[in-house]
């Protein structure tokens, strides 16, 4: 949650740069100057536009990820015969859990402005 709050200005700038490319209008935001433009036009509030849905989505994501990771780690260890403490089992479980959790929580990321 702290990372989401700290990185919100960058996320807002990234989203606006992505949207302007498909909107058909001229380029208003580019690079680091996008942060300055948003701050100048909207103030601090502009940097944190969409923060509430982001914070809620992050909480749901991680509350799905960790149980999925534990379950997947056990399944991979059992199927492969490797120890649950094996780095290959950890990395595989993390990759599978990340993909599953991303798919499950994707609808939560869409309404963010």
PDB file of N, CA and C in Angstrom:
ATOM      1  N   UNK A   1       0.833  -1.188   0.000  1.00  0.00           N
ATOM      2  CA  UNK A   1       0.000   0.000   0.000  1.00  0.00           C
ATOM      3  C   UNK A   1       0.877   1.249   0.000  1.00  0.00           C
ATOM      4  N   UNK A   2       1.957   1.221   0.765  1.00  0.00           N
ATOM      5  CA  UNK A   2       2.854   2.382   0.816  1.00  0.00           C
ATOM      6  C   UNK A   2       3.473   2.626  -0.560  1.00  0.00           C
ATOM      7  N   UNK A   3       3.889   1.558  -1.222  1.00  0.00           N
ATOM      8  CA  UNK A   3       4.468   1.702  -2.563  1.00  0.00           C
ATOM      9  C   UNK A   3       3.442   2.271  -3.545  1.00  0.00           C
ATOM     10  N   UNK A   4       2.200   1.860  -3.412  1.00  0.00           N
ATOM     11  CA  UNK A   4       1.136   2.379  -4.284  1.00  0.00           C
ATOM     12  C   UNK A   4       0.966   3.881  -4.082  1.00  0.00           C
ATOM     13  N   UNK A   5       1.004   4.311  -2.835  1.00  0.00           N
ATOM     14  CA  UNK A   5       0.860   5.741  -2.529  1.00  0.00           C
ATOM     15  C   UNK A   5       2.065   6.523  -3.055  1.00  0.00           C
ATOM     16  N   UNK A   6       3.268   6.008  -2.812  1.00  0.00           N
ATOM     17  CA  UNK A   6       4.479   6.706  -3.242  1.00  0.00           C
ATOM     18  C   UNK A   6       4.608   6.768  -4.764  1.00  0.00           C
ATOM     19  N   UNK A   7       4.159   5.714  -5.444  1.00  0.00           N
ATOM     20  CA  UNK A   7       4.309   5.643  -6.900  1.00  0.00           C
ATOM     21  C   UNK A   7       3.104   6.176  -7.666  1.00  0.00           C
ATOM     22  N   UNK A   8       2.076   6.627  -6.964  1.00  0.00           N
ATOM     23  CA  UNK A   8       0.877   7.121  -7.627  1.00  0.00           C
ATOM     24  C   UNK A   8       1.155   8.219  -8.657  1.00  0.00           C
ATOM     25  N   UNK A   9       1.986   9.213  -8.362  1.00  0.00           N
ATOM     26  CA  UNK A   9       2.247  10.233  -9.386  1.00  0.00           C
ATOM     27  C   UNK A   9       2.823   9.633 -10.672  1.00  0.00           C
ATOM     28  N   UNK A  10       3.713   8.664 -10.539  1.00  0.00           N
ATOM     29  CA  UNK A  10       4.285   8.032 -11.730  1.00  0.00           C
ATOM     30  C   UNK A  10       3.227   7.227 -12.486  1.00  0.00           C
ATOM     31  N   UNK A  11       2.345   6.575 -11.750  1.00  0.00           N
ATOM     32  CA  UNK A  11       1.286   5.782 -12.373  1.00  0.00           C
ATOM     33  C   UNK A  11       0.305   6.685 -13.128  1.00  0.00           C
ATOM     34  N   UNK A  12      -0.039   7.816 -12.524  1.00  0.00           N
ATOM     35  CA  UNK A  12      -0.935   8.769 -13.185  1.00  0.00           C
ATOM     36  C   UNK A  12      -0.282   9.299 -14.460  1.00  0.00           C
ATOM     37  N   UNK A  13       0.986   9.683 -14.383  1.00  0.00           N
ATOM     38  CA  UNK A  13       1.697  10.203 -15.558  1.00  0.00           C
ATOM     39  C   UNK A  13       1.781   9.138 -16.646  1.00  0.00           C
ATOM     40  N   UNK A  14       2.086   7.901 -16.270  1.00  0.00           N
ATOM     41  CA  UNK A  14       2.176   6.805 -17.240  1.00  0.00           C
ATOM     42  C   UNK A  14       0.835   6.596 -17.948  1.00  0.00           C
ATOM     43  N   UNK A  15      -0.230   6.581 -17.167  1.00  0.00           N
ATOM     44  CA  UNK A  15      -1.558   6.365 -17.739  1.00  0.00           C
ATOM     45  C   UNK A  15      -1.926   7.481 -18.706  1.00  0.00           C
ATOM     46  N   UNK A  16      -1.636   8.694 -18.335  1.00  0.00           N
ATOM     47  CA  UNK A  16      -1.976   9.825 -19.212  1.00  0.00           C
ATOM     48  C   UNK A  16      -1.148   9.820 -20.488  1.00  0.00           C
ATOM     49  N   UNK A  17       0.116   9.418 -20.400  1.00  0.00           N
ATOM     50  CA  UNK A  17       0.934   9.329 -21.610  1.00  0.00           C
ATOM     51  C   UNK A  17       0.415   8.230 -22.525  1.00  0.00           C
ATOM     52  N   UNK A  18      -0.035   7.116 -21.953  1.00  0.00           N
ATOM     53  CA  UNK A  18      -0.580   6.020 -22.755  1.00  0.00           C
ATOM     54  C   UNK A  18      -1.878   6.435 -23.441  1.00  0.00           C
ATOM     55  N   UNK A  19      -2.740   7.108 -22.711  1.00  0.00           N
ATOM     56  CA  UNK A  19      -4.042   7.495 -23.243  1.00  0.00           C
ATOM     57  C   UNK A  19      -3.900   8.541 -24.343  1.00  0.00           C
ATOM     58  N   UNK A  20      -2.984   9.467 -24.199  1.00  0.00           N
ATOM     59  CA  UNK A  20      -2.847  10.521 -25.199  1.00  0.00           C
ATOM     60  C   UNK A  20      -2.422   9.951 -26.549  1.00  0.00           C
ATOM     61  N   UNK A  21      -1.752   8.810 -26.548  1.00  0.00           N
ATOM     62  CA  UNK A  21      -1.329   8.199 -27.806  1.00  0.00           C
ATOM     63  C   UNK A  21      -2.487   7.679 -28.635  1.00  0.00           C
ATOM     64  N   UNK A  22      -3.577   7.311 -27.996  1.00  0.00           N
ATOM     65  CA  UNK A  22      -4.730   6.761 -28.721  1.00  0.00           C
ATOM     66  C   UNK A  22      -5.882   7.752 -28.834  1.00  0.00           C
ATOM     67  N   UNK A  23      -5.755   8.903 -28.194  1.00  0.00           N
ATOM     68  CA  UNK A  23      -6.859   9.863 -28.181  1.00  0.00           C
ATOM     69  C   UNK A  23      -6.961  10.673 -29.470  1.00  0.00           C
ATOM     70  N   UNK A  24      -5.891  10.752 -30.238  1.00  0.00           N
ATOM     71  CA  UNK A  24      -5.917  11.505 -31.479  1.00  0.00           C
ATOM     72  C   UNK A  24      -5.583  12.979 -31.317  1.00  0.00           C
ATOM     73  N   UNK A  25      -5.385  13.433 -30.081  1.00  0.00           N
ATOM     74  CA  UNK A  25      -5.014  14.824 -29.837  1.00  0.00           C
ATOM     75  C   UNK A  25      -3.500  14.917 -29.766  1.00  0.00           C
ATOM     76  N   UNK A  26      -2.979  16.117 -29.683  1.00  0.00           N
ATOM     77  CA  UNK A  26      -1.545  16.318 -29.615  1.00  0.00           C
ATOM     78  C   UNK A  26      -0.931  15.767 -28.340  1.00  0.00           C
ATOM     79  N   UNK A  27       0.390  15.738 -28.315  1.00  0.00           N
ATOM     80  CA  UNK A  27       1.111  15.228 -27.156  1.00  0.00           C
ATOM     81  C   UNK A  27       1.184  16.319 -26.099  1.00  0.00           C
ATOM     82  N   UNK A  28       0.590  16.042 -24.949  1.00  0.00           N
ATOM     83  CA  UNK A  28       0.591  16.994 -23.842  1.00  0.00           C
ATOM     84  C   UNK A  28       1.556  16.557 -22.755  1.00  0.00           C
ATOM     85  N   UNK A  29       1.700  15.254 -22.585  1.00  0.00           N
ATOM     86  CA  UNK A  29       2.539  14.696 -21.529  1.00  0.00           C
ATOM     87  C   UNK A  29       3.685  13.916 -22.145  1.00  0.00           C
ATOM     88  N   UNK A  30       4.895  14.157 -21.634  1.00  0.00           N
ATOM     89  CA  UNK A  30       6.030  13.353 -22.077  1.00  0.00           C
ATOM     90  C   UNK A  30       7.093  13.352 -20.989  1.00  0.00           C
ATOM     91  N   UNK A  31       7.589  12.160 -20.708  1.00  0.00           N
ATOM     92  CA  UNK A  31       8.663  12.004 -19.738  1.00  0.00           C
ATOM     93  C   UNK A  31       8.372  12.594 -18.370  1.00  0.00           C
ATOM     94  N   UNK A  32       9.414  13.048 -17.715  1.00  0.00           N
ATOM     95  CA  UNK A  32       9.297  13.614 -16.374  1.00  0.00           C
ATOM     96  C   UNK A  32       8.495  14.913 -16.386  1.00  0.00           C
ATOM     97  N   UNK A  33       8.494  15.612 -17.495  1.00  0.00           N
ATOM     98  CA  UNK A  33       7.727  16.861 -17.562  1.00  0.00           C
ATOM     99  C   UNK A  33       6.228  16.603 -17.405  1.00  0.00           C
ATOM    100  N   UNK A  34       5.784  15.371 -17.608  1.00  0.00           N
ATOM    101  CA  UNK A  34       4.378  15.033 -17.389  1.00  0.00           C
ATOM    102  C   UNK A  34       4.002  15.266 -15.933  1.00  0.00           C
ATOM    103  N   UNK A  35       4.905  14.932 -15.024  1.00  0.00           N
ATOM    104  CA  UNK A  35       4.644  15.168 -13.595  1.00  0.00           C
ATOM    105  C   UNK A  35       4.485  16.660 -13.311  1.00  0.00           C
ATOM    106  N   UNK A  36       5.353  17.470 -13.928  1.00  0.00           N
ATOM    107  CA  UNK A  36       5.263  18.919 -13.740  1.00  0.00           C
ATOM    108  C   UNK A  36       3.960  19.475 -14.321  1.00  0.00           C
ATOM    109  N   UNK A  37       3.576  18.994 -15.491  1.00  0.00           N
ATOM    110  CA  UNK A  37       2.350  19.459 -16.137  1.00  0.00           C
ATOM    111  C   UNK A  37       1.132  19.126 -15.288  1.00  0.00           C
ATOM    112  N   UNK A  38       1.073  17.904 -14.802  1.00  0.00           N
ATOM    113  CA  UNK A  38      -0.059  17.490 -13.962  1.00  0.00           C
ATOM    114  C   UNK A  38      -0.097  18.328 -12.689  1.00  0.00           C
ATOM    115  N   UNK A  39       1.048  18.523 -12.058  1.00  0.00           N
ATOM    116  CA  UNK A  39       1.098  19.307 -10.819  1.00  0.00           C
ATOM    117  C   UNK A  39       0.699  20.763 -11.065  1.00  0.00           C
ATOM    118  N   UNK A  40       1.187  21.351 -12.140  1.00  0.00           N
ATOM    119  CA  UNK A  40       0.888  22.750 -12.446  1.00  0.00           C
ATOM    120  C   UNK A  40      -0.602  22.956 -12.731  1.00  0.00           C
ATOM    121  N   UNK A  41      -1.214  22.003 -13.462  1.00  0.00           N
ATOM    122  CA  UNK A  41      -2.615  22.159 -13.856  1.00  0.00           C
ATOM    123  C   UNK A  41      -3.610  21.689 -12.789  1.00  0.00           C
ATOM    124  N   UNK A  42      -3.229  20.672 -12.001  1.00  0.00           N
ATOM    125  CA  UNK A  42      -4.189  20.083 -11.064  1.00  0.00           C
ATOM    126  C   UNK A  42      -3.727  20.086  -9.614  1.00  0.00           C
ATOM    127  N   UNK A  43      -2.485  20.450  -9.398  1.00  0.00           N
ATOM    128  CA  UNK A  43      -1.947  20.454  -8.046  1.00  0.00           C
ATOM    129  C   UNK A  43      -1.632  19.042  -7.562  1.00  0.00           C
ATOM    130  N   UNK A  44      -1.394  18.934  -6.275  1.00  0.00           N
ATOM    131  CA  UNK A  44      -1.052  17.655  -5.666  1.00  0.00           C
ATOM    132  C   UNK A  44      -2.165  16.618  -5.864  1.00  0.00           C
ATOM    133  N   UNK A  45      -3.390  17.088  -5.882  1.00  0.00           N
ATOM    134  CA  UNK A  45      -4.540  16.195  -6.063  1.00  0.00           C
ATOM    135  C   UNK A  45      -4.455  15.425  -7.392  1.00  0.00           C
ATOM    136  N   UNK A  46      -3.952  16.070  -8.427  1.00  0.00           N
ATOM    137  CA  UNK A  46      -3.815  15.425  -9.733  1.00  0.00           C
ATOM    138  C   UNK A  46      -2.879  14.235  -9.707  1.00  0.00           C
ATOM    139  N   UNK A  47      -1.828  14.318  -8.900  1.00  0.00           N
ATOM    140  CA  UNK A  47      -0.876  13.210  -8.786  1.00  0.00           C
ATOM    141  C   UNK A  47      -1.506  11.979  -8.155  1.00  0.00           C
ATOM    142  N   UNK A  48      -2.520  12.184  -7.339  1.00  0.00           N
ATOM    143  CA  UNK A  48      -3.117  11.072  -6.601  1.00  0.00           C
ATOM    144  C   UNK A  48      -4.517  10.732  -7.105  1.00  0.00           C
ATOM    145  N   UNK A  49      -4.808  11.135  -8.336  1.00  0.00           N
ATOM    146  CA  UNK A  49      -6.088  10.804  -8.955  1.00  0.00           C
ATOM    147  C   UNK A  49      -6.177   9.281  -9.128  1.00  0.00           C
ATOM    148  N   UNK A  50      -7.236   8.677  -8.614  1.00  0.00           N
ATOM    149  CA  UNK A  50      -7.405   7.228  -8.722  1.00  0.00           C
ATOM    150  C   UNK A  50      -6.710   6.434  -7.637  1.00  0.00           C
ATOM    151  N   UNK A  51      -6.267   7.092  -6.584  1.00  0.00           N
ATOM    152  CA  UNK A  51      -5.535   6.403  -5.520  1.00  0.00           C
ATOM    153  C   UNK A  51      -6.419   5.421  -4.745  1.00  0.00           C
ATOM    154  N   UNK A  52      -7.658   5.794  -4.467  1.00  0.00           N
ATOM    155  CA  UNK A  52      -8.541   4.920  -3.680  1.00  0.00           C
ATOM    156  C   UNK A  52      -8.756   3.568  -4.355  1.00  0.00           C
ATOM    157  N   UNK A  53      -9.136   3.523  -5.650  1.00  0.00           N
ATOM    158  CA  UNK A  53      -9.275   2.206  -6.267  1.00  0.00           C
ATOM    159  C   UNK A  53      -7.952   1.434  -6.331  1.00  0.00           C
ATOM    160  N   UNK A  54      -6.852   2.157  -6.476  1.00  0.00           N
ATOM    161  CA  UNK A  54      -5.548   1.484  -6.533  1.00  0.00           C
ATOM    162  C   UNK A  54      -5.224   0.813  -5.212  1.00  0.00           C
ATOM    163  N   UNK A  55      -5.441   1.525  -4.109  1.00  0.00           N
ATOM    164  CA  UNK A  55      -5.155   0.963  -2.784  1.00  0.00           C
ATOM    165  C   UNK A  55      -6.061  -0.241  -2.506  1.00  0.00           C
ATOM    166  N   UNK A  56      -7.313  -0.124  -2.874  1.00  0.00           N
ATOM    167  CA  UNK A  56      -8.240  -1.257  -2.684  1.00  0.00           C
ATOM    168  C   UNK A  56      -7.828  -2.455  -3.536  1.00  0.00           C
ATOM    169  N   UNK A  57      -7.410  -2.211  -4.759  1.00  0.00           N
ATOM    170  CA  UNK A  57      -7.010  -3.293  -5.659  1.00  0.00           C
ATOM    171  C   UNK A  57      -5.747  -3.997  -5.167  1.00  0.00           C
ATOM    172  N   UNK A  58      -4.809  -3.227  -4.638  1.00  0.00           N
ATOM    173  CA  UNK A  58      -3.573  -3.817  -4.135  1.00  0.00           C
ATOM    174  C   UNK A  58      -3.855  -4.762  -2.970  1.00  0.00           C
ATOM    175  N   UNK A  59      -4.731  -4.348  -2.075  1.00  0.00           N
ATOM    176  CA  UNK A  59      -5.088  -5.209  -0.943  1.00  0.00           C
ATOM    177  C   UNK A  59      -5.718  -6.514  -1.385  1.00  0.00           C
ATOM    178  N   UNK A  60      -6.614  -6.446  -2.348  1.00  0.00           N
ATOM    179  CA  UNK A  60      -7.261  -7.655  -2.874  1.00  0.00           C
ATOM    180  C   UNK A  60      -6.225  -8.531  -3.576  1.00  0.00           C
ATOM    181  N   UNK A  61      -5.349  -7.911  -4.370  1.00  0.00           N
ATOM    182  CA  UNK A  61      -4.324  -8.665  -5.093  1.00  0.00           C
ATOM    183  C   UNK A  61      -3.480  -9.500  -4.131  1.00  0.00           C
ATOM    184  N   UNK A  62      -2.930  -8.851  -3.103  1.00  0.00           N
ATOM    185  CA  UNK A  62      -2.033  -9.563  -2.194  1.00  0.00           C
ATOM    186  C   UNK A  62      -2.772 -10.571  -1.319  1.00  0.00           C
ATOM    187  N   UNK A  63      -4.034 -10.303  -1.004  1.00  0.00           N
ATOM    188  CA  UNK A  63      -4.780 -11.280  -0.209  1.00  0.00           C
ATOM    189  C   UNK A  63      -5.131 -12.512  -1.037  1.00  0.00           C
ATOM    190  N   UNK A  64      -5.115 -12.398  -2.354  1.00  0.00           N
ATOM    191  CA  UNK A  64      -5.287 -13.571  -3.228  1.00  0.00           C
ATOM    192  C   UNK A  64      -3.936 -14.249  -3.505  1.00  0.00           C
ATOM    193  N   UNK A  65      -2.894 -13.438  -3.663  1.00  0.00           N
ATOM    194  CA  UNK A  65      -1.588 -13.951  -4.070  1.00  0.00           C
ATOM    195  C   UNK A  65      -0.982 -14.918  -3.055  1.00  0.00           C
ATOM    196  N   UNK A  66      -0.936 -14.530  -1.789  1.00  0.00           N
ATOM    197  CA  UNK A  66      -0.219 -15.343  -0.808  1.00  0.00           C
ATOM    198  C   UNK A  66      -0.832 -16.725  -0.588  1.00  0.00           C
ATOM    199  N   UNK A  67      -2.147 -16.864  -0.442  1.00  0.00           N
ATOM    200  CA  UNK A  67      -2.696 -18.229  -0.335  1.00  0.00           C
ATOM    201  C   UNK A  67      -2.459 -19.042  -1.616  1.00  0.00           C
ATOM    202  N   UNK A  68      -2.564 -18.383  -2.754  1.00  0.00           N
ATOM    203  CA  UNK A  68      -2.312 -19.057  -4.032  1.00  0.00           C
ATOM    204  C   UNK A  68      -0.853 -19.514  -4.104  1.00  0.00           C
ATOM    205  N   UNK A  69       0.057 -18.668  -3.642  1.00  0.00           N
ATOM    206  CA  UNK A  69       1.482 -19.001  -3.646  1.00  0.00           C
ATOM    207  C   UNK A  69       1.759 -20.219  -2.761  1.00  0.00           C
ATOM    208  N   UNK A  70       1.210 -20.224  -1.552  1.00  0.00           N
ATOM    209  CA  UNK A  70       1.428 -21.361  -0.643  1.00  0.00           C
ATOM    210  C   UNK A  70       0.887 -22.657  -1.239  1.00  0.00           C
ATOM    211  N   UNK A  71      -0.313 -22.598  -1.796  1.00  0.00           N
ATOM    212  CA  UNK A  71      -0.919 -23.785  -2.397  1.00  0.00           C
ATOM    213  C   UNK A  71      -0.100 -24.269  -3.598  1.00  0.00           C
ATOM    214  N   UNK A  72       0.270 -23.344  -4.464  1.00  0.00           N
ATOM    215  CA  UNK A  72       1.037 -23.688  -5.673  1.00  0.00           C
ATOM    216  C   UNK A  72       2.408 -24.247  -5.316  1.00  0.00           C
ATOM    217  N   UNK A  73       3.041 -23.664  -4.325  1.00  0.00           N
ATOM    218  CA  UNK A  73       4.364 -24.143  -3.900  1.00  0.00           C
ATOM    219  C   UNK A  73       4.282 -25.596  -3.449  1.00  0.00           C
ATOM    220  N   UNK A  74       3.257 -25.934  -2.669  1.00  0.00           N
ATOM    221  CA  UNK A  74       3.078 -27.316  -2.224  1.00  0.00           C
ATOM    222  C   UNK A  74       2.815 -28.264  -3.382  1.00  0.00           C
ATOM    223  N   UNK A  75       1.986 -27.841  -4.321  1.00  0.00           N
ATOM    224  CA  UNK A  75       1.678 -28.688  -5.490  1.00  0.00           C
ATOM    225  C   UNK A  75       2.909 -28.927  -6.360  1.00  0.00           C
ATOM    226  N   UNK A  76       3.674 -27.868  -6.608  1.00  0.00           N
ATOM    227  CA  UNK A  76       4.879 -27.998  -7.441  1.00  0.00           C
ATOM    228  C   UNK A  76       5.908 -28.880  -6.748  1.00  0.00           C
ATOM    229  N   UNK A  77       6.091 -28.701  -5.452  1.00  0.00           N
ATOM    230  CA  UNK A  77       7.066 -29.516  -4.711  1.00  0.00           C
ATOM    231  C   UNK A  77       6.657 -30.983  -4.740  1.00  0.00           C
ATOM    232  N   UNK A  78       5.387 -31.243  -4.543  1.00  0.00           N
ATOM    233  CA  UNK A  78       4.900 -32.625  -4.544  1.00  0.00           C
ATOM    234  C   UNK A  78       5.032 -33.264  -5.929  1.00  0.00           C
ATOM    235  N   UNK A  79       4.674 -32.521  -6.967  1.00  0.00           N
ATOM    236  CA  UNK A  79       4.725 -33.061  -8.329  1.00  0.00           C
ATOM    237  C   UNK A  79       6.156 -33.268  -8.822  1.00  0.00           C
ATOM    238  N   UNK A  80       7.068 -32.390  -8.398  1.00  0.00           N
ATOM    239  CA  UNK A  80       8.442 -32.472  -8.891  1.00  0.00           C
ATOM    240  C   UNK A  80       9.343 -33.326  -8.002  1.00  0.00           C
ATOM    241  N   UNK A  81       8.944 -33.507  -6.750  1.00  0.00           N
ATOM    242  CA  UNK A  81       9.787 -34.245  -5.821  1.00  0.00           C
ATOM    243  C   UNK A  81      10.858 -33.384  -5.179  1.00  0.00           C
ATOM    244  N   UNK A  82      10.873 -32.095  -5.492  1.00  0.00           N
ATOM    245  CA  UNK A  82      11.839 -31.184  -4.898  1.00  0.00           C
ATOM    246  C   UNK A  82      11.306 -30.656  -3.576  1.00  0.00           C
ATOM    247  N   UNK A  83      12.194 -30.155  -2.771  1.00  0.00           N
ATOM    248  CA  UNK A  83      11.825 -29.568  -1.486  1.00  0.00           C
ATOM    249  C   UNK A  83      11.092 -28.241  -1.701  1.00  0.00           C
ATOM    250  N   UNK A  84      10.180 -27.920  -0.777  1.00  0.00           N
ATOM    251  CA  UNK A  84       9.484 -26.632  -0.872  1.00  0.00           C
ATOM    252  C   UNK A  84      10.433 -25.459  -0.711  1.00  0.00           C
ATOM    253  N   UNK A  85      11.600 -25.685  -0.146  1.00  0.00           N
ATOM    254  CA  UNK A  85      12.567 -24.605   0.033  1.00  0.00           C
ATOM    255  C   UNK A  85      13.478 -24.428  -1.188  1.00  0.00           C
ATOM    256  N   UNK A  86      13.303 -25.258  -2.209  1.00  0.00           N
ATOM    257  CA  UNK A  86      14.097 -25.150  -3.432  1.00  0.00           C
ATOM    258  C   UNK A  86      13.798 -23.826  -4.135  1.00  0.00           C
ATOM    259  N   UNK A  87      14.848 -23.182  -4.637  1.00  0.00           N
ATOM    260  CA  UNK A  87      14.647 -21.898  -5.321  1.00  0.00           C
ATOM    261  C   UNK A  87      13.821 -22.065  -6.596  1.00  0.00           C
ATOM    262  N   UNK A  88      13.945 -23.201  -7.257  1.00  0.00           N
ATOM    263  CA  UNK A  88      13.152 -23.461  -8.461  1.00  0.00           C
ATOM    264  C   UNK A  88      11.673 -23.556  -8.101  1.00  0.00           C
ATOM    265  N   UNK A  89      11.366 -24.203  -6.994  1.00  0.00           N
ATOM    266  CA  UNK A  89       9.975 -24.307  -6.539  1.00  0.00           C
ATOM    267  C   UNK A  89       9.442 -22.925  -6.169  1.00  0.00           C
ATOM    268  N   UNK A  90      10.236 -22.135  -5.463  1.00  0.00           N
ATOM    269  CA  UNK A  90       9.815 -20.774  -5.091  1.00  0.00           C
ATOM    270  C   UNK A  90       9.536 -19.922  -6.329  1.00  0.00           C
ATOM    271  N   UNK A  91      10.463 -19.929  -7.286  1.00  0.00           N
ATOM    272  CA  UNK A  91      10.288 -19.105  -8.486  1.00  0.00           C
ATOM    273  C   UNK A  91       9.102 -19.572  -9.321  1.00  0.00           C
ATOM    274  N   UNK A  92       8.928 -20.869  -9.439  1.00  0.00           N
ATOM    275  CA  UNK A  92       7.807 -21.400 -10.210  1.00  0.00           C
ATOM    276  C   UNK A  92       6.478 -21.055  -9.546  1.00  0.00           C
ATOM    277  N   UNK A  93       6.415 -21.217  -8.243  1.00  0.00           N
ATOM    278  CA  UNK A  93       5.194 -20.902  -7.508  1.00  0.00           C
ATOM    279  C   UNK A  93       4.885 -19.407  -7.601  1.00  0.00           C
ATOM    280  N   UNK A  94       5.902 -18.575  -7.539  1.00  0.00           N
ATOM    281  CA  UNK A  94       5.698 -17.130  -7.642  1.00  0.00           C
ATOM    282  C   UNK A  94       5.177 -16.751  -9.020  1.00  0.00           C
ATOM    283  N   UNK A  95       5.748 -17.362 -10.063  1.00  0.00           N
ATOM    284  CA  UNK A  95       5.304 -17.053 -11.426  1.00  0.00           C
ATOM    285  C   UNK A  95       3.859 -17.487 -11.650  1.00  0.00           C
ATOM    286  N   UNK A  96       3.537 -18.712 -11.262  1.00  0.00           N
ATOM    287  CA  UNK A  96       2.176 -19.223 -11.448  1.00  0.00           C
ATOM    288  C   UNK A  96       1.186 -18.408 -10.623  1.00  0.00           C
ATOM    289  N   UNK A  97       1.529 -18.116  -9.387  1.00  0.00           N
ATOM    290  CA  UNK A  97       0.637 -17.349  -8.511  1.00  0.00           C
ATOM    291  C   UNK A  97       0.433 -15.934  -9.025  1.00  0.00           C
ATOM    292  N   UNK A  98       1.490 -15.329  -9.522  1.00  0.00           N
ATOM    293  CA  UNK A  98       1.373 -13.983 -10.083  1.00  0.00           C
ATOM    294  C   UNK A  98       0.450 -13.943 -11.283  1.00  0.00           C
ATOM    295  N   UNK A  99       0.585 -14.914 -12.163  1.00  0.00           N
ATOM    296  CA  UNK A  99      -0.274 -14.974 -13.346  1.00  0.00           C
ATOM    297  C   UNK A  99      -1.728 -15.192 -12.946  1.00  0.00           C
ATOM    298  N   UNK A 100      -1.975 -16.166 -12.065  1.00  0.00           N
ATOM    299  CA  UNK A 100      -3.348 -16.447 -11.639  1.00  0.00           C
ATOM    300  C   UNK A 100      -3.978 -15.246 -10.941  1.00  0.00           C
ATOM    301  N   UNK A 101      -3.220 -14.620 -10.069  1.00  0.00           N
ATOM    302  CA  UNK A 101      -3.749 -13.481  -9.325  1.00  0.00           C
ATOM    303  C   UNK A 101      -3.986 -12.291 -10.246  1.00  0.00           C
ATOM    304  N   UNK A 102      -3.105 -12.082 -11.220  1.00  0.00           N
ATOM    305  CA  UNK A 102      -3.321 -11.010 -12.199  1.00  0.00           C
ATOM    306  C   UNK A 102      -4.611 -11.232 -12.980  1.00  0.00           C
ATOM    307  N   UNK A 103      -4.837 -12.462 -13.398  1.00  0.00           N
ATOM    308  CA  UNK A 103      -6.059 -12.775 -14.151  1.00  0.00           C
ATOM    309  C   UNK A 103      -7.298 -12.556 -13.280  1.00  0.00           C
ATOM    310  N   UNK A 104      -7.234 -13.010 -12.026  1.00  0.00           N
ATOM    311  CA  UNK A 104      -8.382 -12.867 -11.128  1.00  0.00           C
ATOM    312  C   UNK A 104      -8.695 -11.413 -10.769  1.00  0.00           C
ATOM    313  N   UNK A 105      -7.665 -10.603 -10.609  1.00  0.00           N
ATOM    314  CA  UNK A 105      -7.883  -9.228 -10.150  1.00  0.00           C
ATOM    315  C   UNK A 105      -7.876  -8.199 -11.289  1.00  0.00           C
ATOM    316  N   UNK A 106      -7.687  -8.616 -12.514  1.00  0.00           N
ATOM    317  CA  UNK A 106      -7.647  -7.676 -13.647  1.00  0.00           C
ATOM    318  C   UNK A 106      -8.862  -6.745 -13.704  1.00  0.00           C
ATOM    319  N   UNK A 107     -10.082  -7.242 -13.482  1.00  0.00           N
ATOM    320  CA  UNK A 107     -11.236  -6.318 -13.531  1.00  0.00           C
ATOM    321  C   UNK A 107     -11.156  -5.177 -12.511  1.00  0.00           C
ATOM    322  N   UNK A 108     -10.435  -5.371 -11.425  1.00  0.00           N
ATOM    323  CA  UNK A 108     -10.317  -4.316 -10.422  1.00  0.00           C
ATOM    324  C   UNK A 108      -9.435  -3.164 -10.882  1.00  0.00           C
ATOM    325  N   UNK A 109      -8.527  -3.435 -11.804  1.00  0.00           N
ATOM    326  CA  UNK A 109      -7.590  -2.405 -12.263  1.00  0.00           C
ATOM    327  C   UNK A 109      -8.203  -1.529 -13.348  1.00  0.00           C
ATOM    328  N   UNK A 110      -9.256  -1.985 -13.991  1.00  0.00           N
ATOM    329  CA  UNK A 110      -9.831  -1.232 -15.107  1.00  0.00           C
ATOM    330  C   UNK A 110     -10.513   0.077 -14.730  1.00  0.00           C
ATOM    331  N   UNK A 111     -11.266   0.143 -13.619  1.00  0.00           N
ATOM    332  CA  UNK A 111     -11.959   1.397 -13.335  1.00  0.00           C
ATOM    333  C   UNK A 111     -11.083   2.535 -12.860  1.00  0.00           C
ATOM    334  N   UNK A 112      -9.800   2.284 -12.716  1.00  0.00           N
ATOM    335  CA  UNK A 112      -8.920   3.348 -12.222  1.00  0.00           C
ATOM    336  C   UNK A 112      -8.794   4.448 -13.265  1.00  0.00           C
ATOM    337  N   UNK A 113      -9.026   5.691 -12.850  1.00  0.00           N
ATOM    338  CA  UNK A 113      -8.929   6.818 -13.793  1.00  0.00           C
ATOM    339  C   UNK A 113      -7.499   7.150 -14.145  1.00  0.00           C
TER     340      UNK A 113
END
